[in-house]
């Protein structure tokens, strides 16, 4: 008798996104018992005498382990989503990325502070809310232009370049007024640096791309128009990425780094990396390779 297909739950608010569709299609080809579930539609219930909470779907049906849960929210995970993930853990499900590691990396400054404290190379950065502090901080970071980034941005959103103190101060003031914190990071011109992403599954390198911004642009995100191409990372780059993945205890992540004349720097550790650009560059289904490594299920030739 054929073994029962592995169960996989993908937690995603937007199943129409390319990476979610790719994962769902890959799961079907691998014969996985797969469900894509919006965490907003789940109910967590704990009754008197229960040690663990129950998870109910929108029809009132209880979700039961065993199954592997793949969260696809990353830096935009809100408190509700984190509670849902913790409930999955409490109920006996296995999570690819658990709540603790996700909390550590969803705030970029917190993640950079942890990395720097542990000896990982990161670019000079500063977190400030008072506009009058900005000129002095920027001078210490290397001068203008300067990058201004959201603490919890994704897909290149909330990444801006400021060419002078007035612009930087205006950006910080405007977004703080809207309730968004931002931080300043040293700007490295695309022509004098190389932006790359290493995809890691279970702490091991799976694939990598170099991201080339459009002409006269500085955004290196594929969603923002950057062109992905196959990248063969050096041994140093692979070791650095794998160390970062293990440091944060992430089962699936991407490590973005910048290679400059001054050395190699980690820009971000992304717990919910997009897969479309990686697949486009390599000309293969990266989603299937990811699920194959996570579940141990391989497609029959």
C-alpha atoms as a PDB file:
ATOM      1  CA  UNK A   1       0.000   0.000   0.000  1.00  0.00           C
ATOM      2  CA  UNK A   2       1.327   3.436  -0.960  1.00  0.00           C
ATOM      3  CA  UNK A   3       2.330   5.673   1.956  1.00  0.00           C
ATOM      4  CA  UNK A   4      -0.121   8.388   2.907  1.00  0.00           C
ATOM      5  CA  UNK A   5       0.903  11.797   1.463  1.00  0.00           C
ATOM      6  CA  UNK A   6       2.448  14.234   3.895  1.00  0.00           C
ATOM      7  CA  UNK A   7       0.160  16.977   5.209  1.00  0.00           C
ATOM      8  CA  UNK A   8       1.116  20.597   4.721  1.00  0.00           C
ATOM      9  CA  UNK A   9      -0.701  23.751   5.832  1.00  0.00           C
ATOM     10  CA  UNK A  10       0.345  27.054   4.247  1.00  0.00           C
ATOM     11  CA  UNK A  11      -0.711  30.074   6.312  1.00  0.00           C
ATOM     12  CA  UNK A  12      -1.200  33.032   3.974  1.00  0.00           C
ATOM     13  CA  UNK A  13      -3.453  36.068   3.872  1.00  0.00           C
ATOM     14  CA  UNK A  14      -3.099  36.441   0.098  1.00  0.00           C
ATOM     15  CA  UNK A  15      -3.296  33.056  -1.668  1.00  0.00           C
ATOM     16  CA  UNK A  16      -3.294  34.869  -5.013  1.00  0.00           C
ATOM     17  CA  UNK A  17       0.357  35.900  -4.612  1.00  0.00           C
ATOM     18  CA  UNK A  18       2.743  34.214  -7.050  1.00  0.00           C
ATOM     19  CA  UNK A  19       4.823  32.451  -4.391  1.00  0.00           C
ATOM     20  CA  UNK A  20       1.738  30.973  -2.693  1.00  0.00           C
ATOM     21  CA  UNK A  21       0.363  29.726  -6.021  1.00  0.00           C
ATOM     22  CA  UNK A  22       3.753  28.219  -6.834  1.00  0.00           C
ATOM     23  CA  UNK A  23       3.908  26.426  -3.472  1.00  0.00           C
ATOM     24  CA  UNK A  24       0.346  25.109  -3.859  1.00  0.00           C
ATOM     25  CA  UNK A  25       1.045  23.828  -7.387  1.00  0.00           C
ATOM     26  CA  UNK A  26       4.320  22.254  -6.291  1.00  0.00           C
ATOM     27  CA  UNK A  27       2.597  20.566  -3.351  1.00  0.00           C
ATOM     28  CA  UNK A  28       0.006  19.067  -5.693  1.00  0.00           C
ATOM     29  CA  UNK A  29       2.728  17.675  -7.987  1.00  0.00           C
ATOM     30  CA  UNK A  30       4.480  16.148  -4.979  1.00  0.00           C
ATOM     31  CA  UNK A  31       1.242  14.497  -3.867  1.00  0.00           C
ATOM     32  CA  UNK A  32       1.054  16.416  -0.608  1.00  0.00           C
ATOM     33  CA  UNK A  33      -2.206  16.729   1.311  1.00  0.00           C
ATOM     34  CA  UNK A  34      -2.044  20.514   1.188  1.00  0.00           C
ATOM     35  CA  UNK A  35      -4.292  23.330   2.372  1.00  0.00           C
ATOM     36  CA  UNK A  36      -3.779  27.088   2.020  1.00  0.00           C
ATOM     37  CA  UNK A  37      -5.465  28.786   4.984  1.00  0.00           C
ATOM     38  CA  UNK A  38      -5.964  32.459   5.784  1.00  0.00           C
ATOM     39  CA  UNK A  39      -5.065  32.893   9.484  1.00  0.00           C
ATOM     40  CA  UNK A  40      -7.762  35.570   9.801  1.00  0.00           C
ATOM     41  CA  UNK A  41     -10.391  32.863   9.196  1.00  0.00           C
ATOM     42  CA  UNK A  42      -9.218  30.617  12.025  1.00  0.00           C
ATOM     43  CA  UNK A  43     -10.628  30.515  15.534  1.00  0.00           C
ATOM     44  CA  UNK A  44      -8.545  29.638  18.585  1.00  0.00           C
ATOM     45  CA  UNK A  45     -10.532  28.073  21.415  1.00  0.00           C
ATOM     46  CA  UNK A  46      -9.418  26.738  24.744  1.00  0.00           C
ATOM     47  CA  UNK A  47     -12.015  25.234  27.040  1.00  0.00           C
ATOM     48  CA  UNK A  48     -11.817  24.565  30.754  1.00  0.00           C
ATOM     49  CA  UNK A  49      -9.641  21.535  31.441  1.00  0.00           C
ATOM     50  CA  UNK A  50      -7.885  21.609  28.061  1.00  0.00           C
ATOM     51  CA  UNK A  51      -4.097  21.720  28.089  1.00  0.00           C
ATOM     52  CA  UNK A  52      -3.893  22.901  24.489  1.00  0.00           C
ATOM     53  CA  UNK A  53      -6.038  25.190  22.391  1.00  0.00           C
ATOM     54  CA  UNK A  54      -8.195  23.962  19.535  1.00  0.00           C
ATOM     55  CA  UNK A  55      -8.032  25.466  16.059  1.00  0.00           C
ATOM     56  CA  UNK A  56     -11.266  25.732  14.110  1.00  0.00           C
ATOM     57  CA  UNK A  57     -11.695  26.737  10.479  1.00  0.00           C
ATOM     58  CA  UNK A  58     -14.460  29.000   9.133  1.00  0.00           C
ATOM     59  CA  UNK A  59     -16.874  26.024   8.985  1.00  0.00           C
ATOM     60  CA  UNK A  60     -16.252  25.100  12.599  1.00  0.00           C
ATOM     61  CA  UNK A  61     -14.147  22.046  11.737  1.00  0.00           C
ATOM     62  CA  UNK A  62     -11.242  21.370  14.078  1.00  0.00           C
ATOM     63  CA  UNK A  63      -7.765  21.206  12.544  1.00  0.00           C
ATOM     64  CA  UNK A  64      -5.816  18.252  13.879  1.00  0.00           C
ATOM     65  CA  UNK A  65      -2.145  17.275  13.717  1.00  0.00           C
ATOM     66  CA  UNK A  66       0.052  15.841  12.410  1.00  0.00           C
ATOM     67  CA  UNK A  67       0.861  18.366   9.703  1.00  0.00           C
ATOM     68  CA  UNK A  68       3.690  20.676   8.776  1.00  0.00           C
ATOM     69  CA  UNK A  69       2.743  24.368   8.942  1.00  0.00           C
ATOM     70  CA  UNK A  70       4.477  26.880   6.670  1.00  0.00           C
ATOM     71  CA  UNK A  71       3.763  30.494   7.708  1.00  0.00           C
ATOM     72  CA  UNK A  72       3.947  32.974   4.818  1.00  0.00           C
ATOM     73  CA  UNK A  73       3.571  36.346   6.550  1.00  0.00           C
ATOM     74  CA  UNK A  74       7.134  37.339   7.404  1.00  0.00           C
ATOM     75  CA  UNK A  75       7.730  40.904   8.605  1.00  0.00           C
ATOM     76  CA  UNK A  76       4.053  41.849   8.225  1.00  0.00           C
ATOM     77  CA  UNK A  77       2.909  39.250  10.765  1.00  0.00           C
ATOM     78  CA  UNK A  78       0.571  40.970  13.233  1.00  0.00           C
ATOM     79  CA  UNK A  79      -0.274  39.905  16.768  1.00  0.00           C
ATOM     80  CA  UNK A  80      -3.293  37.887  15.615  1.00  0.00           C
ATOM     81  CA  UNK A  81      -1.174  35.880  13.166  1.00  0.00           C
ATOM     82  CA  UNK A  82       1.445  35.227  15.831  1.00  0.00           C
ATOM     83  CA  UNK A  83      -1.258  33.954  18.188  1.00  0.00           C
ATOM     84  CA  UNK A  84      -2.547  31.625  15.471  1.00  0.00           C
ATOM     85  CA  UNK A  85       0.950  30.254  14.902  1.00  0.00           C
ATOM     86  CA  UNK A  86       1.466  29.740  18.629  1.00  0.00           C
ATOM     87  CA  UNK A  87      -1.863  27.895  18.778  1.00  0.00           C
ATOM     88  CA  UNK A  88      -0.686  25.566  15.993  1.00  0.00           C
ATOM     89  CA  UNK A  89       2.446  24.850  18.008  1.00  0.00           C
ATOM     90  CA  UNK A  90       0.423  24.308  21.192  1.00  0.00           C
ATOM     91  CA  UNK A  91      -1.911  21.916  19.376  1.00  0.00           C
ATOM     92  CA  UNK A  92       0.981  19.676  18.308  1.00  0.00           C
ATOM     93  CA  UNK A  93       1.656  20.874  14.755  1.00  0.00           C
ATOM     94  CA  UNK A  94       5.216  21.302  13.508  1.00  0.00           C
ATOM     95  CA  UNK A  95       6.035  24.784  12.210  1.00  0.00           C
ATOM     96  CA  UNK A  96       8.717  25.447   9.598  1.00  0.00           C
ATOM     97  CA  UNK A  97       9.330  28.807  11.284  1.00  0.00           C
ATOM     98  CA  UNK A  98       8.167  29.063  14.880  1.00  0.00           C
ATOM     99  CA  UNK A  99       6.815  32.184  16.556  1.00  0.00           C
ATOM    100  CA  UNK A 100       9.971  33.057  18.499  1.00  0.00           C
ATOM    101  CA  UNK A 101      12.267  33.231  15.442  1.00  0.00           C
ATOM    102  CA  UNK A 102       9.634  35.146  13.440  1.00  0.00           C
ATOM    103  CA  UNK A 103       9.356  37.774  16.165  1.00  0.00           C
ATOM    104  CA  UNK A 104      13.134  38.138  16.207  1.00  0.00           C
ATOM    105  CA  UNK A 105      13.420  38.933  12.491  1.00  0.00           C
ATOM    106  CA  UNK A 106      10.183  40.753  11.643  1.00  0.00           C
ATOM    107  CA  UNK A 107      11.568  44.014  13.060  1.00  0.00           C
ATOM    108  CA  UNK A 108      14.610  44.777  10.913  1.00  0.00           C
ATOM    109  CA  UNK A 109      16.435  46.920  13.462  1.00  0.00           C
ATOM    110  CA  UNK A 110      15.998  44.333  16.205  1.00  0.00           C
ATOM    111  CA  UNK A 111      17.342  41.676  13.845  1.00  0.00           C
ATOM    112  CA  UNK A 112      20.304  43.859  12.846  1.00  0.00           C
ATOM    113  CA  UNK A 113      21.064  44.586  16.506  1.00  0.00           C
ATOM    114  CA  UNK A 114      21.094  40.867  17.273  1.00  0.00           C
ATOM    115  CA  UNK A 115      23.281  40.135  14.265  1.00  0.00           C
ATOM    116  CA  UNK A 116      25.753  42.893  15.132  1.00  0.00           C
ATOM    117  CA  UNK A 117      25.953  41.772  18.773  1.00  0.00           C
ATOM    118  CA  UNK A 118      26.707  38.222  17.613  1.00  0.00           C
ATOM    119  CA  UNK A 119      29.538  39.405  15.363  1.00  0.00           C
ATOM    120  CA  UNK A 120      27.789  39.303  11.984  1.00  0.00           C
ATOM    121  CA  UNK A 121      28.762  42.081   9.543  1.00  0.00           C
ATOM    122  CA  UNK A 122      26.012  44.682   9.043  1.00  0.00           C
ATOM    123  CA  UNK A 123      26.026  48.145   7.482  1.00  0.00           C
ATOM    124  CA  UNK A 124      26.110  51.236   9.726  1.00  0.00           C
ATOM    125  CA  UNK A 125      22.551  52.237  10.688  1.00  0.00           C
ATOM    126  CA  UNK A 126      20.687  54.483  13.101  1.00  0.00           C
ATOM    127  CA  UNK A 127      17.200  54.615  14.603  1.00  0.00           C
ATOM    128  CA  UNK A 128      15.896  58.062  15.506  1.00  0.00           C
ATOM    129  CA  UNK A 129      12.596  59.964  15.762  1.00  0.00           C
ATOM    130  CA  UNK A 130      13.762  63.549  16.326  1.00  0.00           C
ATOM    131  CA  UNK A 131      14.422  65.287  12.968  1.00  0.00           C
ATOM    132  CA  UNK A 132      17.097  67.582  14.407  1.00  0.00           C
ATOM    133  CA  UNK A 133      19.214  64.503  15.233  1.00  0.00           C
ATOM    134  CA  UNK A 134      19.355  63.361  11.608  1.00  0.00           C
ATOM    135  CA  UNK A 135      22.160  65.529  10.143  1.00  0.00           C
ATOM    136  CA  UNK A 136      24.626  64.458  12.839  1.00  0.00           C
ATOM    137  CA  UNK A 137      23.631  60.794  12.532  1.00  0.00           C
ATOM    138  CA  UNK A 138      23.942  60.814   8.750  1.00  0.00           C
ATOM    139  CA  UNK A 139      27.431  62.320   9.001  1.00  0.00           C
ATOM    140  CA  UNK A 140      28.481  59.404  11.208  1.00  0.00           C
ATOM    141  CA  UNK A 141      26.923  56.937   8.743  1.00  0.00           C
ATOM    142  CA  UNK A 142      28.990  58.261   5.843  1.00  0.00           C
ATOM    143  CA  UNK A 143      26.984  61.236   4.639  1.00  0.00           C
ATOM    144  CA  UNK A 144      24.244  61.768   2.072  1.00  0.00           C
ATOM    145  CA  UNK A 145      22.583  60.190   0.232  1.00  0.00           C
ATOM    146  CA  UNK A 146      21.149  57.923   2.921  1.00  0.00           C
ATOM    147  CA  UNK A 147      18.664  55.054   2.847  1.00  0.00           C
ATOM    148  CA  UNK A 148      15.469  55.405   4.900  1.00  0.00           C
ATOM    149  CA  UNK A 149      13.667  52.113   5.572  1.00  0.00           C
ATOM    150  CA  UNK A 150      10.550  50.907   7.360  1.00  0.00           C
ATOM    151  CA  UNK A 151      11.241  48.701  10.354  1.00  0.00           C
ATOM    152  CA  UNK A 152       8.823  46.114   8.984  1.00  0.00           C
ATOM    153  CA  UNK A 153       8.655  46.701   5.241  1.00  0.00           C
ATOM    154  CA  UNK A 154       8.485  43.965   2.590  1.00  0.00           C
ATOM    155  CA  UNK A 155       8.864  43.587  -1.181  1.00  0.00           C
ATOM    156  CA  UNK A 156      10.823  46.833  -1.372  1.00  0.00           C
ATOM    157  CA  UNK A 157       7.980  48.902   0.084  1.00  0.00           C
ATOM    158  CA  UNK A 158       9.110  51.543   2.535  1.00  0.00           C
ATOM    159  CA  UNK A 159      12.632  51.801   1.102  1.00  0.00           C
ATOM    160  CA  UNK A 160      13.570  55.381   0.179  1.00  0.00           C
ATOM    161  CA  UNK A 161      16.713  57.326  -0.659  1.00  0.00           C
ATOM    162  CA  UNK A 162      17.181  60.812   0.793  1.00  0.00           C
ATOM    163  CA  UNK A 163      19.735  63.148  -0.758  1.00  0.00           C
ATOM    164  CA  UNK A 164      19.794  65.847   1.914  1.00  0.00           C
ATOM    165  CA  UNK A 165      18.888  66.575   5.533  1.00  0.00           C
ATOM    166  CA  UNK A 166      15.625  68.336   4.703  1.00  0.00           C
ATOM    167  CA  UNK A 167      14.352  65.340   2.696  1.00  0.00           C
ATOM    168  CA  UNK A 168      15.435  62.817   5.310  1.00  0.00           C
ATOM    169  CA  UNK A 169      13.858  64.840   8.119  1.00  0.00           C
ATOM    170  CA  UNK A 170      10.602  65.219   6.167  1.00  0.00           C
ATOM    171  CA  UNK A 171      10.401  61.463   5.541  1.00  0.00           C
ATOM    172  CA  UNK A 172      11.053  60.597   9.177  1.00  0.00           C
ATOM    173  CA  UNK A 173       8.554  63.210  10.435  1.00  0.00           C
ATOM    174  CA  UNK A 174       5.811  62.170   7.998  1.00  0.00           C
ATOM    175  CA  UNK A 175       6.029  58.461   8.684  1.00  0.00           C
ATOM    176  CA  UNK A 176       6.373  58.870  12.432  1.00  0.00           C
ATOM    177  CA  UNK A 177       3.193  60.952  12.352  1.00  0.00           C
ATOM    178  CA  UNK A 178       1.452  58.054  10.602  1.00  0.00           C
ATOM    179  CA  UNK A 179       2.692  55.600  13.212  1.00  0.00           C
ATOM    180  CA  UNK A 180       5.506  54.081  11.137  1.00  0.00           C
ATOM    181  CA  UNK A 181       9.014  53.939  12.540  1.00  0.00           C
ATOM    182  CA  UNK A 182      11.904  54.126  10.090  1.00  0.00           C
ATOM    183  CA  UNK A 183      15.650  53.754  10.357  1.00  0.00           C
ATOM    184  CA  UNK A 184      18.615  55.185   8.473  1.00  0.00           C
ATOM    185  CA  UNK A 185      21.168  52.994   6.717  1.00  0.00           C
ATOM    186  CA  UNK A 186      24.375  53.785   4.858  1.00  0.00           C
ATOM    187  CA  UNK A 187      23.825  54.067   1.098  1.00  0.00           C
ATOM    188  CA  UNK A 188      26.010  51.950  -1.183  1.00  0.00           C
ATOM    189  CA  UNK A 189      25.658  52.831  -4.898  1.00  0.00           C
ATOM    190  CA  UNK A 190      24.608  49.852  -7.078  1.00  0.00           C
ATOM    191  CA  UNK A 191      27.643  50.413  -9.314  1.00  0.00           C
ATOM    192  CA  UNK A 192      30.006  50.006  -6.361  1.00  0.00           C
ATOM    193  CA  UNK A 193      28.255  47.057  -4.723  1.00  0.00           C
ATOM    194  CA  UNK A 194      26.584  43.744  -5.481  1.00  0.00           C
ATOM    195  CA  UNK A 195      23.206  42.793  -3.983  1.00  0.00           C
ATOM    196  CA  UNK A 196      22.508  39.074  -3.642  1.00  0.00           C
ATOM    197  CA  UNK A 197      20.028  36.776  -1.941  1.00  0.00           C
ATOM    198  CA  UNK A 198      20.704  33.268  -0.656  1.00  0.00           C
ATOM    199  CA  UNK A 199      17.709  30.983  -0.106  1.00  0.00           C
ATOM    200  CA  UNK A 200      18.068  28.523   2.752  1.00  0.00           C
ATOM    201  CA  UNK A 201      15.953  25.525   3.732  1.00  0.00           C
ATOM    202  CA  UNK A 202      16.625  23.737   7.002  1.00  0.00           C
ATOM    203  CA  UNK A 203      19.673  25.936   7.449  1.00  0.00           C
ATOM    204  CA  UNK A 204      21.304  24.880   4.184  1.00  0.00           C
ATOM    205  CA  UNK A 205      21.863  26.826   0.968  1.00  0.00           C
ATOM    206  CA  UNK A 206      19.409  25.863  -1.782  1.00  0.00           C
ATOM    207  CA  UNK A 207      19.771  28.579  -4.434  1.00  0.00           C
ATOM    208  CA  UNK A 208      20.921  32.165  -4.869  1.00  0.00           C
ATOM    209  CA  UNK A 209      20.313  35.153  -7.112  1.00  0.00           C
ATOM    210  CA  UNK A 210      21.922  38.494  -7.777  1.00  0.00           C
ATOM    211  CA  UNK A 211      19.414  41.355  -8.001  1.00  0.00           C
ATOM    212  CA  UNK A 212      20.214  44.102 -10.470  1.00  0.00           C
ATOM    213  CA  UNK A 213      18.231  47.352 -10.005  1.00  0.00           C
ATOM    214  CA  UNK A 214      16.756  49.053 -13.033  1.00  0.00           C
ATOM    215  CA  UNK A 215      18.871  51.768 -14.623  1.00  0.00           C
ATOM    216  CA  UNK A 216      18.977  54.905 -12.453  1.00  0.00           C
ATOM    217  CA  UNK A 217      17.092  53.081  -9.677  1.00  0.00           C
ATOM    218  CA  UNK A 218      18.324  51.800  -6.315  1.00  0.00           C
ATOM    219  CA  UNK A 219      15.630  49.231  -5.416  1.00  0.00           C
ATOM    220  CA  UNK A 220      17.092  45.726  -5.452  1.00  0.00           C
ATOM    221  CA  UNK A 221      13.785  43.912  -4.836  1.00  0.00           C
ATOM    222  CA  UNK A 222      12.373  41.852  -7.696  1.00  0.00           C
ATOM    223  CA  UNK A 223       8.877  43.139  -6.801  1.00  0.00           C
ATOM    224  CA  UNK A 224      10.207  46.673  -7.360  1.00  0.00           C
ATOM    225  CA  UNK A 225      11.510  45.869 -10.841  1.00  0.00           C
ATOM    226  CA  UNK A 226      15.026  44.576 -10.173  1.00  0.00           C
ATOM    227  CA  UNK A 227      16.241  41.902 -12.579  1.00  0.00           C
ATOM    228  CA  UNK A 228      17.177  38.563 -10.984  1.00  0.00           C
ATOM    229  CA  UNK A 229      19.961  36.423 -12.379  1.00  0.00           C
ATOM    230  CA  UNK A 230      21.632  33.209 -11.263  1.00  0.00           C
ATOM    231  CA  UNK A 231      24.280  33.777  -8.651  1.00  0.00           C
ATOM    232  CA  UNK A 232      26.899  31.326  -7.447  1.00  0.00           C
ATOM    233  CA  UNK A 233      27.806  32.436  -3.931  1.00  0.00           C
ATOM    234  CA  UNK A 234      31.314  32.005  -2.619  1.00  0.00           C
ATOM    235  CA  UNK A 235      32.077  29.657   0.245  1.00  0.00           C
ATOM    236  CA  UNK A 236      32.309  32.684   2.523  1.00  0.00           C
ATOM    237  CA  UNK A 237      28.861  33.905   1.449  1.00  0.00           C
ATOM    238  CA  UNK A 238      27.254  30.469   1.880  1.00  0.00           C
ATOM    239  CA  UNK A 239      28.762  30.025   5.341  1.00  0.00           C
ATOM    240  CA  UNK A 240      27.619  33.507   6.388  1.00  0.00           C
ATOM    241  CA  UNK A 241      24.058  32.888   5.169  1.00  0.00           C
ATOM    242  CA  UNK A 242      23.844  29.460   6.794  1.00  0.00           C
ATOM    243  CA  UNK A 243      25.174  30.835  10.085  1.00  0.00           C
ATOM    244  CA  UNK A 244      22.507  33.559  10.041  1.00  0.00           C
ATOM    245  CA  UNK A 245      19.722  31.033   9.340  1.00  0.00           C
ATOM    246  CA  UNK A 246      20.894  28.839  12.210  1.00  0.00           C
ATOM    247  CA  UNK A 247      21.345  31.859  14.489  1.00  0.00           C
ATOM    248  CA  UNK A 248      17.660  32.758  14.102  1.00  0.00           C
ATOM    249  CA  UNK A 249      16.533  29.093  13.997  1.00  0.00           C
ATOM    250  CA  UNK A 250      14.602  29.539  10.742  1.00  0.00           C
ATOM    251  CA  UNK A 251      13.600  26.494   8.695  1.00  0.00           C
ATOM    252  CA  UNK A 252      12.965  28.626   5.608  1.00  0.00           C
ATOM    253  CA  UNK A 253      14.495  32.031   4.985  1.00  0.00           C
ATOM    254  CA  UNK A 254      16.537  34.167   2.644  1.00  0.00           C
ATOM    255  CA  UNK A 255      19.589  36.148   3.641  1.00  0.00           C
ATOM    256  CA  UNK A 256      20.126  39.345   1.668  1.00  0.00           C
ATOM    257  CA  UNK A 257      23.644  40.675   1.622  1.00  0.00           C
ATOM    258  CA  UNK A 258      25.696  43.373  -0.018  1.00  0.00           C
ATOM    259  CA  UNK A 259      29.214  42.896  -1.325  1.00  0.00           C
ATOM    260  CA  UNK A 260      31.144  46.178  -1.351  1.00  0.00           C
ATOM    261  CA  UNK A 261      34.784  47.259  -1.519  1.00  0.00           C
ATOM    262  CA  UNK A 262      34.672  47.304   2.285  1.00  0.00           C
ATOM    263  CA  UNK A 263      33.497  43.702   2.561  1.00  0.00           C
ATOM    264  CA  UNK A 264      30.381  41.575   2.900  1.00  0.00           C
ATOM    265  CA  UNK A 265      27.364  42.853   4.861  1.00  0.00           C
ATOM    266  CA  UNK A 266      24.017  41.307   5.805  1.00  0.00           C
ATOM    267  CA  UNK A 267      21.121  43.592   4.888  1.00  0.00           C
ATOM    268  CA  UNK A 268      18.199  41.478   6.080  1.00  0.00           C
ATOM    269  CA  UNK A 269      17.056  38.002   7.062  1.00  0.00           C
ATOM    270  CA  UNK A 270      13.676  37.380   5.417  1.00  0.00           C
ATOM    271  CA  UNK A 271      11.470  34.685   6.950  1.00  0.00           C
ATOM    272  CA  UNK A 272       8.979  34.658   4.062  1.00  0.00           C
ATOM    273  CA  UNK A 273      11.038  35.084   0.884  1.00  0.00           C
ATOM    274  CA  UNK A 274       9.458  35.342  -2.538  1.00  0.00           C
ATOM    275  CA  UNK A 275      10.166  32.459  -4.902  1.00  0.00           C
ATOM    276  CA  UNK A 276       9.134  33.829  -8.303  1.00  0.00           C
ATOM    277  CA  UNK A 277      12.357  35.748  -9.004  1.00  0.00           C
ATOM    278  CA  UNK A 278      14.472  32.814  -7.837  1.00  0.00           C
ATOM    279  CA  UNK A 279      12.564  30.428 -10.129  1.00  0.00           C
ATOM    280  CA  UNK A 280      12.734  32.847 -13.065  1.00  0.00           C
ATOM    281  CA  UNK A 281      16.490  33.221 -12.764  1.00  0.00           C
ATOM    282  CA  UNK A 282      17.238  29.515 -12.374  1.00  0.00           C
ATOM    283  CA  UNK A 283      14.674  28.315 -14.891  1.00  0.00           C
ATOM    284  CA  UNK A 284      13.367  25.688 -12.483  1.00  0.00           C
ATOM    285  CA  UNK A 285      10.600  25.287  -9.928  1.00  0.00           C
ATOM    286  CA  UNK A 286      12.249  26.475  -6.726  1.00  0.00           C
ATOM    287  CA  UNK A 287       8.980  25.994  -4.795  1.00  0.00           C
ATOM    288  CA  UNK A 288       9.087  22.254  -5.486  1.00  0.00           C
ATOM    289  CA  UNK A 289      12.693  22.061  -4.309  1.00  0.00           C
ATOM    290  CA  UNK A 290      11.755  23.938  -1.124  1.00  0.00           C
ATOM    291  CA  UNK A 291       8.838  21.642  -0.314  1.00  0.00           C
ATOM    292  CA  UNK A 292      10.858  18.567  -1.224  1.00  0.00           C
ATOM    293  CA  UNK A 293      13.546  19.476   1.290  1.00  0.00           C
ATOM    294  CA  UNK A 294      11.031  20.477   3.981  1.00  0.00           C
ATOM    295  CA  UNK A 295       8.892  17.330   3.703  1.00  0.00           C
ATOM    296  CA  UNK A 296      11.315  14.741   2.344  1.00  0.00           C
ATOM    297  CA  UNK A 297       8.855  14.021  -0.473  1.00  0.00           C
ATOM    298  CA  UNK A 298      10.307  13.860  -3.976  1.00  0.00           C
ATOM    299  CA  UNK A 299       8.524  13.943  -7.319  1.00  0.00           C
ATOM    300  CA  UNK A 300       8.641  10.653  -9.211  1.00  0.00           C
ATOM    301  CA  UNK A 301      10.726  10.941 -12.398  1.00  0.00           C
END
